[in-house]
Amino acid sequence: MKNCIITWTSVVLLLTACQANAPRETSLSGTLTGLPNDTLLVSSRFVDDIKDEHMRTDIIVCQQGTFSLPIEKDSLPVRITLYPLKQKKQQEIEVVVLPGESVKVTGSVDSYQVKGSAFYQTYLDSEKLWQPYLDKIAQAEAQADSMQAAGVDRDSISNFRMAYYDYYQDMDKAILEYIHEHSGEDAALYLCYKKGITGHNDSPLHDLSDQVKSGPLAPLYQKLVQIGQEQENKKEVLNGENAPDFTLKDLQGHDFTLSSLRGKYVILDFWGSWCIWCIKGFPELKEHYAKYKDKLEVVAICCHDTEDRWRKAVERYKLPWVNVFDHNEHGEITRAYNVQHFPTKVLIDPEGKIVQVDFSYNLLNDLLGHRP
């Protein structure tokens, strides 16, 4: 009898251990106010599918605002975006689900909470750190609009905008500090992805702990490192090659061809009116343009913009060089020059060869500063 009791006790302990070690089910569910019987468009993709090349789309129906979405094991970790189809305002909810998590979304589409995911809660908490910067930027934008409505001259408005662009720089510093201080958390890795940080040589990605690099988001880490390496390799390949020629329309509607500038150094500045850092870089670029104007020309190529915004930005910021607009939605020119971010500046020598992509002004000074 004693042996029987021991045997049954062992069986119970074994079953308990098996249940404890069994993989937990992964799911996403929630209840959202304002969506009584709405339809949700669900887009899901592997967490390392940065360009959404293998995105899967499904449709689920909310019952009194409640929905449930089972997640296949072989799709984990997964990035999921929910779009309510009947809402007048375009809104979305994005959630990352890791293996073994039962994630629940509550609240509204405007203001939602994520429970059941320690990782995602940490990430959402991190966003609160730079919300004050976003609030300052929104207030400054509103003030700039008020100045414009009141008839304030464009130079004053332009100077005001340049001053509050420092908020963006302060926010970026805060983000980098957060990544450095939380290098042992998966949220820091996901933040790198959200902010477009790839694995270039001095990337904060390399400061992440080994546990994060090999953890649930390892595929995302490997993808970001791969992208960074590819970008560096492409830059090296372009250096020393003939600069791809192109023809674009200038402000007067005339054709401008790059090869017409042979005999001078040329800086190609890929920018957009929507790009804060492009605009922040204009004063320094103007300074060097004025210094070397007899040996140097700048060609500013506006990308991913509208012609109206381009013309207004050129006038607003008083850009004194060659200004052209890239109408091509397929980006042949940006691809030819491996433009991965904005701004991207390319230095071309008088023979039409690429000196360097993303060069420093120290290099420009070395090349032009001591030449006759």
Protein backbone atom coordinates (compact mmCIF):
# COMPACT_ATOMS: atom_id res chain seq x y z
CA MET A 1 0.00 0.00 0.00
CA LYS A 2 2.84 2.33 0.85
CA ASN A 3 4.47 1.62 -2.52
CA CYS A 4 1.14 2.34 -4.28
CA ILE A 5 0.85 5.72 -2.56
CA ILE A 6 4.39 6.60 -3.55
CA THR A 7 3.67 5.56 -7.13
CA TRP A 8 0.49 7.67 -7.42
CA THR A 9 2.25 10.60 -5.78
CA SER A 10 5.01 10.34 -8.38
CA VAL A 11 2.45 10.29 -11.20
CA VAL A 12 0.72 13.41 -9.87
CA LEU A 13 4.04 15.22 -9.52
CA LEU A 14 5.05 14.16 -13.04
CA LEU A 15 1.77 15.40 -14.53
CA THR A 16 2.10 18.68 -12.64
CA ALA A 17 5.65 19.12 -13.93
CA CYS A 18 4.54 18.37 -17.50
CA GLN A 19 1.78 20.96 -17.25
CA ALA A 20 4.21 23.53 -15.89
CA ASN A 21 6.67 22.87 -18.71
CA ALA A 22 4.03 22.68 -21.45
CA PRO A 23 4.23 25.53 -23.95
CA ARG A 24 1.70 28.24 -23.21
CA GLU A 25 -0.88 29.10 -25.84
CA THR A 26 -0.26 32.32 -27.73
CA SER A 27 -3.22 34.54 -28.54
CA LEU A 28 -4.39 38.08 -29.11
CA SER A 29 -7.80 39.24 -27.92
CA GLY A 30 -9.46 42.37 -26.66
CA THR A 31 -12.44 44.58 -26.10
CA LEU A 32 -12.50 48.05 -27.63
CA THR A 33 -15.06 50.75 -26.94
CA GLY A 34 -16.66 52.46 -29.91
CA LEU A 35 -16.59 49.29 -32.01
CA PRO A 36 -19.90 47.56 -31.18
CA ASN A 37 -20.01 45.28 -34.24
CA ASP A 38 -17.22 46.62 -36.39
CA THR A 39 -15.02 44.64 -38.72
CA LEU A 40 -11.27 44.55 -38.11
CA LEU A 41 -8.72 44.22 -40.87
CA VAL A 42 -5.83 42.25 -39.39
CA SER A 43 -2.39 42.48 -40.97
CA SER A 44 0.24 40.11 -39.58
CA ARG A 45 3.85 39.50 -40.52
CA PHE A 46 7.02 38.04 -39.03
CA VAL A 47 8.70 40.54 -36.75
CA ASP A 48 11.73 40.71 -39.08
CA ASP A 49 9.59 41.37 -42.18
CA ILE A 50 10.43 45.05 -42.02
CA LYS A 51 9.19 45.88 -45.53
CA ASP A 52 5.94 43.89 -45.10
CA GLU A 53 6.86 41.72 -48.08
CA HIS A 54 5.14 38.62 -46.68
CA MET A 55 2.26 40.25 -44.88
CA ARG A 56 -0.89 38.22 -44.36
CA THR A 57 -4.28 39.93 -44.20
CA ASP A 58 -7.42 38.58 -42.50
CA ILE A 59 -10.79 39.99 -41.50
CA ILE A 60 -12.44 39.35 -38.14
CA VAL A 61 -15.74 40.63 -36.75
CA CYS A 62 -16.05 42.27 -33.33
CA GLN A 63 -19.01 41.17 -31.24
CA GLN A 64 -19.92 44.07 -28.96
CA GLY A 65 -16.37 45.35 -29.42
CA THR A 66 -14.79 42.02 -28.44
CA PHE A 67 -12.47 40.07 -30.72
CA SER A 68 -10.17 37.06 -30.50
CA LEU A 69 -7.36 36.03 -32.81
CA PRO A 70 -5.52 32.70 -32.50
CA ILE A 71 -1.89 32.85 -33.54
CA GLU A 72 -0.04 30.06 -35.30
CA LYS A 73 3.12 28.87 -33.57
CA ASP A 74 5.21 28.97 -36.73
CA SER A 75 4.53 32.70 -37.20
CA LEU A 76 6.10 33.82 -33.91
CA PRO A 77 7.23 36.37 -32.97
CA VAL A 78 4.68 38.32 -34.97
CA ARG A 79 3.84 41.97 -35.56
CA ILE A 80 0.09 42.56 -35.87
CA THR A 81 -1.77 45.69 -36.97
CA LEU A 82 -5.53 46.09 -36.43
CA TYR A 83 -7.56 48.48 -38.60
CA PRO A 84 -11.26 49.17 -37.79
CA LEU A 85 -12.94 49.35 -41.21
CA LYS A 86 -16.04 51.36 -40.27
CA GLN A 87 -14.23 54.22 -38.57
CA LYS A 88 -14.26 57.54 -40.44
CA LYS A 89 -10.83 58.42 -39.11
CA GLN A 90 -7.90 56.28 -40.27
CA GLN A 91 -6.63 54.63 -37.08
CA GLU A 92 -4.69 51.53 -36.19
CA ILE A 93 -3.37 49.46 -33.31
CA GLU A 94 0.00 47.75 -33.61
CA VAL A 95 1.04 44.96 -31.25
CA VAL A 96 4.01 42.61 -31.14
CA VAL A 97 3.22 39.15 -29.76
CA LEU A 98 5.99 36.91 -28.46
CA PRO A 99 5.79 33.12 -27.96
CA GLY A 100 3.68 32.06 -24.98
CA GLU A 101 1.96 35.42 -24.52
CA SER A 102 -1.79 35.88 -24.19
CA VAL A 103 -2.08 39.52 -25.13
CA LYS A 104 -5.23 41.52 -24.43
CA VAL A 105 -6.02 44.96 -25.84
CA THR A 106 -8.51 47.18 -24.03
CA GLY A 107 -9.65 50.79 -24.21
CA SER A 108 -10.35 52.56 -27.50
CA VAL A 109 -8.52 52.84 -30.79
CA ASP A 110 -7.47 56.37 -29.79
CA SER A 111 -6.23 55.30 -26.35
CA TYR A 112 -5.58 51.62 -25.80
CA GLN A 113 -3.75 49.49 -23.25
CA VAL A 114 -1.91 46.22 -23.83
CA LYS A 115 -1.89 43.57 -21.10
CA GLY A 116 -0.29 40.15 -20.94
CA SER A 117 2.91 41.27 -22.66
CA ALA A 118 5.69 42.40 -20.35
CA PHE A 119 7.77 43.30 -23.40
CA TYR A 120 5.16 45.49 -25.04
CA GLN A 121 4.21 47.18 -21.78
CA THR A 122 7.85 48.16 -21.32
CA TYR A 123 7.94 49.52 -24.86
CA LEU A 124 4.78 51.57 -24.35
CA ASP A 125 6.18 52.92 -21.09
CA SER A 126 9.33 54.02 -22.92
CA GLU A 127 7.25 56.12 -25.31
CA LYS A 128 6.02 58.21 -22.39
CA LEU A 129 9.56 59.47 -21.83
CA TRP A 130 9.61 61.54 -25.03
CA GLN A 131 5.96 62.53 -25.10
CA PRO A 132 6.89 65.92 -23.58
CA TYR A 133 9.09 66.60 -26.63
CA LEU A 134 6.23 65.72 -28.98
CA ASP A 135 3.92 68.02 -27.01
CA LYS A 136 6.41 70.90 -27.34
CA ILE A 137 6.72 70.28 -31.07
CA ALA A 138 2.92 70.26 -31.49
CA GLN A 139 2.63 73.53 -29.55
CA ALA A 140 5.38 75.13 -31.63
CA GLU A 141 3.74 73.98 -34.88
CA ALA A 142 0.46 75.53 -33.76
CA GLN A 143 2.25 78.78 -32.94
CA ALA A 144 3.95 78.82 -36.35
CA ASP A 145 0.55 78.35 -38.02
CA SER A 146 -0.85 81.24 -35.96
CA MET A 147 2.08 83.44 -37.00
CA GLN A 148 1.42 82.62 -40.64
CA ALA A 149 -2.31 83.35 -40.29
CA ALA A 150 -1.48 86.68 -38.64
CA GLY A 151 0.64 87.71 -41.63
CA VAL A 152 4.06 87.47 -39.96
CA ASP A 153 6.84 87.64 -42.55
CA ARG A 154 8.27 84.36 -43.82
CA ASP A 155 11.79 84.99 -42.56
CA SER A 156 10.55 85.32 -38.98
CA ILE A 157 8.46 82.17 -39.29
CA SER A 158 11.39 80.31 -40.85
CA ASN A 159 13.71 81.36 -38.02
CA PHE A 160 11.10 80.29 -35.47
CA ARG A 161 10.78 76.87 -37.09
CA MET A 162 14.55 76.38 -37.14
CA ALA A 163 14.66 77.13 -33.41
CA TYR A 164 12.08 74.55 -32.39
CA TYR A 165 13.64 71.87 -34.57
CA ASP A 166 16.07 71.51 -31.65
CA TYR A 167 13.26 69.66 -29.87
CA TYR A 168 13.68 66.85 -32.39
CA GLN A 169 17.40 66.68 -31.64
CA ASP A 170 16.71 66.59 -27.90
CA MET A 171 14.16 63.81 -28.42
CA ASP A 172 16.62 61.75 -30.44
CA LYS A 173 19.21 62.11 -27.67
CA ALA A 174 16.65 60.92 -25.11
CA ILE A 175 15.86 57.89 -27.26
CA LEU A 176 19.52 56.94 -27.64
CA GLU A 177 20.06 57.35 -23.89
CA TYR A 178 17.09 55.08 -23.21
CA ILE A 179 18.44 52.39 -25.53
CA HIS A 180 21.84 52.57 -23.84
CA GLU A 181 20.39 52.44 -20.31
CA HIS A 182 17.99 49.57 -21.15
CA SER A 183 20.33 47.52 -23.32
CA GLY A 184 19.19 44.33 -21.55
CA GLU A 185 15.53 44.72 -22.54
CA ASP A 186 13.81 43.53 -25.71
CA ALA A 187 11.95 46.85 -25.82
CA ALA A 188 15.23 48.64 -26.56
CA LEU A 189 15.72 46.46 -29.64
CA TYR A 190 12.18 47.10 -30.86
CA LEU A 191 12.70 50.81 -30.30
CA CYS A 192 15.73 50.65 -32.61
CA TYR A 193 13.48 49.22 -35.29
CA LYS A 194 10.74 51.82 -34.78
CA LYS A 195 13.24 54.66 -35.01
CA GLY A 196 14.95 53.30 -38.13
CA ILE A 197 18.22 52.41 -36.38
CA THR A 198 20.08 49.73 -38.31
CA GLY A 199 23.35 47.91 -37.70
CA HIS A 200 25.87 50.35 -39.12
CA ASN A 201 29.32 50.53 -37.60
CA ASP A 202 28.52 52.86 -34.67
CA SER A 203 24.93 51.70 -34.17
CA PRO A 204 23.48 51.43 -30.64
CA LEU A 205 22.30 47.98 -31.75
CA HIS A 206 25.77 46.70 -30.94
CA ASP A 207 25.39 47.88 -27.32
CA LEU A 208 22.44 45.56 -26.67
CA SER A 209 23.06 42.63 -24.34
CA ASP A 210 23.73 39.14 -25.68
CA GLN A 211 20.49 38.02 -24.05
CA VAL A 212 18.51 40.49 -26.16
CA LYS A 213 20.44 39.68 -29.34
CA SER A 214 19.64 35.97 -28.96
CA GLY A 215 16.20 36.38 -27.33
CA PRO A 216 12.67 36.25 -28.77
CA LEU A 217 13.38 39.19 -31.08
CA ALA A 218 16.64 37.72 -32.39
CA PRO A 219 15.28 37.59 -35.99
CA LEU A 220 14.63 41.34 -35.84
CA TYR A 221 18.12 42.03 -34.48
CA GLN A 222 19.72 39.94 -37.22
CA LYS A 223 17.66 41.71 -39.89
CA LEU A 224 18.63 45.18 -38.68
CA VAL A 225 22.30 44.19 -38.58
CA GLN A 226 22.01 42.77 -42.09
CA ILE A 227 20.41 45.96 -43.43
CA GLY A 228 23.11 48.10 -41.84
CA GLN A 229 25.88 45.97 -43.32
CA GLU A 230 24.26 46.05 -46.76
CA GLN A 231 24.03 49.84 -46.60
CA GLU A 232 27.70 50.16 -45.68
CA ASN A 233 28.71 47.72 -48.42
CA LYS A 234 26.70 49.58 -51.07
CA LYS A 235 28.29 52.87 -50.08
CA GLU A 236 31.73 51.35 -50.48
CA VAL A 237 30.79 49.92 -53.88
CA LEU A 238 29.58 53.34 -55.10
CA ASN A 239 32.71 55.18 -54.00
CA GLY A 240 35.00 55.67 -57.00
CA GLU A 241 32.31 54.72 -59.53
CA ASN A 242 30.87 57.00 -62.21
CA ALA A 243 27.96 58.98 -60.79
CA PRO A 244 24.72 57.77 -62.42
CA ASP A 245 23.50 60.53 -64.72
CA PHE A 246 19.95 61.84 -64.55
CA THR A 247 17.73 64.63 -65.88
CA LEU A 248 15.10 66.36 -63.72
CA LYS A 249 13.06 69.56 -63.93
CA ASP A 250 14.30 72.65 -62.09
CA LEU A 251 12.23 75.49 -60.59
CA GLN A 252 11.76 77.10 -64.00
CA GLY A 253 10.55 73.85 -65.54
CA HIS A 254 13.75 73.41 -67.53
CA ASP A 255 15.61 70.12 -67.84
CA PHE A 256 18.68 69.87 -65.64
CA THR A 257 21.21 67.11 -66.34
CA LEU A 258 23.82 66.18 -63.76
CA SER A 259 26.63 65.64 -66.30
CA SER A 260 26.34 69.32 -67.32
CA LEU A 261 28.34 70.16 -64.18
CA ARG A 262 31.51 68.30 -65.18
CA GLY A 263 34.58 70.28 -64.17
CA LYS A 264 33.20 71.14 -60.72
CA TYR A 265 32.78 69.26 -57.49
CA VAL A 266 29.10 68.51 -56.92
CA ILE A 267 27.13 67.75 -53.78
CA LEU A 268 23.88 65.88 -54.34
CA ASP A 269 21.55 66.60 -51.43
CA PHE A 270 18.60 64.19 -51.27
CA TRP A 271 15.97 65.85 -49.11
CA GLY A 272 12.25 66.57 -48.59
CA SER A 273 10.20 69.37 -47.07
CA TRP A 274 8.89 66.78 -44.57
CA CYS A 275 12.42 65.94 -43.34
CA ILE A 276 13.40 67.84 -40.19
CA TRP A 277 17.08 66.87 -40.34
CA CYS A 278 17.31 67.90 -43.99
CA ILE A 279 16.16 71.39 -43.04
CA LYS A 280 18.41 71.50 -39.98
CA GLY A 281 21.37 70.85 -42.29
CA PHE A 282 20.74 73.77 -44.65
CA PRO A 283 22.71 76.44 -42.71
CA GLU A 284 25.93 74.40 -42.67
CA LEU A 285 25.50 73.43 -46.32
CA LYS A 286 24.95 77.10 -47.24
CA GLU A 287 28.13 78.02 -45.37
CA HIS A 288 30.27 75.60 -47.38
CA TYR A 289 28.50 76.45 -50.62
CA ALA A 290 29.35 80.13 -50.14
CA LYS A 291 32.96 79.27 -49.26
CA TYR A 292 33.64 77.07 -52.31
CA LYS A 293 31.08 78.39 -54.79
CA ASP A 294 33.66 78.87 -57.56
CA LYS A 295 34.64 75.17 -57.46
CA LEU A 296 31.47 73.57 -56.10
CA GLU A 297 27.82 73.22 -57.06
CA VAL A 298 25.02 71.83 -54.92
CA VAL A 299 22.12 69.97 -56.51
CA ALA A 300 19.23 69.54 -54.08
CA ILE A 301 16.92 66.70 -55.14
CA CYS A 302 13.52 66.84 -53.46
CA CYS A 303 12.04 63.35 -52.99
CA HIS A 304 8.75 61.81 -51.80
CA ASP A 305 7.07 65.22 -51.79
CA THR A 306 4.57 67.32 -53.70
CA GLU A 307 5.70 69.94 -56.18
CA ASP A 308 3.82 72.65 -54.32
CA ARG A 309 5.48 71.85 -50.97
CA TRP A 310 8.85 71.64 -52.71
CA ARG A 311 8.50 75.11 -54.27
CA LYS A 312 7.31 76.66 -51.02
CA ALA A 313 10.18 75.07 -49.05
CA VAL A 314 12.81 76.31 -51.52
CA GLU A 315 11.41 79.83 -51.17
CA ARG A 316 10.94 79.59 -47.39
CA TYR A 317 14.49 78.42 -46.69
CA LYS A 318 16.08 80.49 -49.48
CA LEU A 319 18.03 77.66 -51.10
CA PRO A 320 20.57 79.31 -53.44
CA TRP A 321 21.74 76.29 -55.46
CA VAL A 322 20.30 74.08 -58.18
CA ASN A 323 16.92 72.79 -57.02
CA VAL A 324 15.23 69.91 -58.84
CA PHE A 325 12.18 67.77 -58.13
CA ASP A 326 12.00 64.00 -58.50
CA HIS A 327 8.52 63.12 -59.77
CA ASN A 328 9.39 59.45 -60.09
CA GLU A 329 7.40 57.42 -57.56
CA HIS A 330 9.53 54.33 -58.20
CA GLY A 331 12.72 56.03 -57.00
CA GLU A 332 15.16 55.04 -59.75
CA ILE A 333 17.53 57.88 -58.82
CA THR A 334 17.43 57.24 -55.07
CA ARG A 335 18.04 53.54 -55.72
CA ALA A 336 20.93 54.30 -58.05
CA TYR A 337 22.60 56.28 -55.26
CA ASN A 338 21.59 53.84 -52.50
CA VAL A 339 19.62 56.48 -50.59
CA GLN A 340 18.52 54.71 -47.39
CA HIS A 341 17.75 57.77 -45.29
CA PHE A 342 17.19 61.50 -45.55
CA PRO A 343 19.16 63.59 -45.84
CA THR A 344 21.75 61.73 -47.89
CA LYS A 345 24.59 63.75 -49.37
CA VAL A 346 26.81 62.45 -52.17
CA LEU A 347 30.10 64.12 -53.14
CA ILE A 348 31.09 63.89 -56.82
CA ASP A 349 34.46 64.98 -58.25
CA PRO A 350 34.99 67.13 -61.39
CA GLU A 351 35.41 63.98 -63.52
CA GLY A 352 31.96 62.76 -62.54
CA LYS A 353 33.09 60.03 -60.13
CA ILE A 354 31.56 59.50 -56.70
CA VAL A 355 34.02 60.49 -53.98
CA GLN A 356 31.89 59.39 -51.04
CA VAL A 357 28.30 58.82 -49.96
CA ASP A 358 27.42 60.49 -46.63
CA PHE A 359 30.72 62.35 -46.51
CA SER A 360 31.92 64.73 -43.80
CA TYR A 361 32.59 68.41 -44.37
CA ASN A 362 36.13 67.78 -43.18
CA LEU A 363 36.66 65.75 -46.35
CA LEU A 364 35.24 68.60 -48.43
CA ASN A 365 37.61 71.05 -46.74
CA ASP A 366 40.56 68.73 -47.38
CA LEU A 367 39.69 68.50 -51.07
CA LEU A 368 38.81 72.14 -51.73
CA GLY A 369 40.21 74.19 -48.90
CA HIS A 370 43.84 74.16 -50.00
CA ARG A 371 43.41 73.95 -53.76
CA PRO A 372 44.20 76.91 -56.01
